[in-house]
């Protein structure tokens, strides 16, 4: 996991990655998958199942997987 401390840096990461989006201050990683129908991280988005991971900020920023920072 990588610690992102500034909003500006997190905004750049989200804008460069099509699987990331914002939900308020939370960063959401979402990709379509049939596994979403049975996953605890599943969500129905526009009629299709997705698997989503949510990265909530804390007092130090966001902890996100390094693969999103590259």
Protein backbone atom coordinates (compact mmCIF):
# COMPACT_ATOMS: atom_id res chain seq x y z
CA UNK A 1 0.00 0.00 0.00
CA UNK A 2 1.09 3.54 -0.73
CA UNK A 3 0.27 6.53 1.45
CA UNK A 4 -1.02 9.53 -0.52
CA UNK A 5 -0.97 12.63 1.66
CA UNK A 6 -2.26 15.43 -0.59
CA UNK A 7 -5.58 15.93 -2.31
CA UNK A 8 -3.82 17.25 -5.41
CA UNK A 9 -1.74 14.08 -5.78
CA UNK A 10 -4.82 11.88 -5.25
CA UNK A 11 -6.77 13.88 -7.86
CA UNK A 12 -3.97 13.27 -10.39
CA UNK A 13 -3.97 9.53 -9.66
CA UNK A 14 -7.76 9.29 -10.05
CA UNK A 15 -7.72 11.31 -13.30
CA UNK A 16 -5.03 8.99 -14.80
CA UNK A 17 -6.82 5.73 -13.96
CA UNK A 18 -10.16 4.87 -15.58
CA UNK A 19 -11.04 2.32 -12.86
CA UNK A 20 -10.88 4.97 -10.11
CA UNK A 21 -13.55 7.51 -9.24
CA UNK A 22 -14.61 9.73 -6.36
CA UNK A 23 -17.50 9.23 -3.95
CA UNK A 24 -17.21 12.31 -1.79
CA UNK A 25 -13.74 12.07 -0.23
CA UNK A 26 -13.58 8.31 -0.80
CA UNK A 27 -11.72 6.89 -3.80
CA UNK A 28 -13.51 3.93 -5.42
CA UNK A 29 -11.85 1.28 -7.57
CA UNK A 30 -14.48 -0.44 -9.71
CA UNK A 31 -14.34 -2.93 -12.56
CA UNK A 32 -17.05 -5.02 -14.24
CA UNK A 33 -17.18 -8.66 -13.17
CA UNK A 34 -19.84 -11.33 -12.87
CA UNK A 35 -18.22 -12.20 -9.53
CA UNK A 36 -19.74 -8.99 -8.21
CA UNK A 37 -23.11 -10.72 -7.83
CA UNK A 38 -21.72 -12.90 -5.00
CA UNK A 39 -18.85 -10.75 -3.71
CA UNK A 40 -19.03 -8.75 -0.48
CA UNK A 41 -17.51 -5.95 -2.58
CA UNK A 42 -20.08 -6.34 -5.37
CA UNK A 43 -22.17 -3.46 -6.67
CA UNK A 44 -24.75 -3.24 -9.43
CA UNK A 45 -23.79 -0.30 -11.66
CA UNK A 46 -26.04 0.60 -14.60
CA UNK A 47 -27.41 -2.94 -14.71
CA UNK A 48 -23.99 -4.66 -14.66
CA UNK A 49 -22.19 -6.25 -11.73
CA UNK A 50 -18.91 -4.68 -10.62
CA UNK A 51 -16.40 -5.42 -7.90
CA UNK A 52 -15.54 -2.30 -5.96
CA UNK A 53 -12.92 -1.41 -3.36
CA UNK A 54 -13.27 1.77 -1.38
CA UNK A 55 -10.33 3.74 -0.02
CA UNK A 56 -11.47 6.01 2.79
CA UNK A 57 -9.18 8.88 3.79
CA UNK A 58 -7.85 9.13 7.32
CA UNK A 59 -5.93 11.89 9.09
CA UNK A 60 -2.80 10.94 7.10
CA UNK A 61 -4.43 10.74 3.65
CA UNK A 62 -5.34 7.70 1.55
CA UNK A 63 -3.76 4.24 1.61
CA UNK A 64 -4.04 2.80 -1.89
CA UNK A 65 -2.34 -0.10 -3.70
CA UNK A 66 0.92 0.85 -5.39
CA UNK A 67 -0.36 -0.31 -8.80
CA UNK A 68 -2.53 2.85 -8.97
CA UNK A 69 0.41 5.18 -8.30
CA UNK A 70 2.69 3.99 -11.14
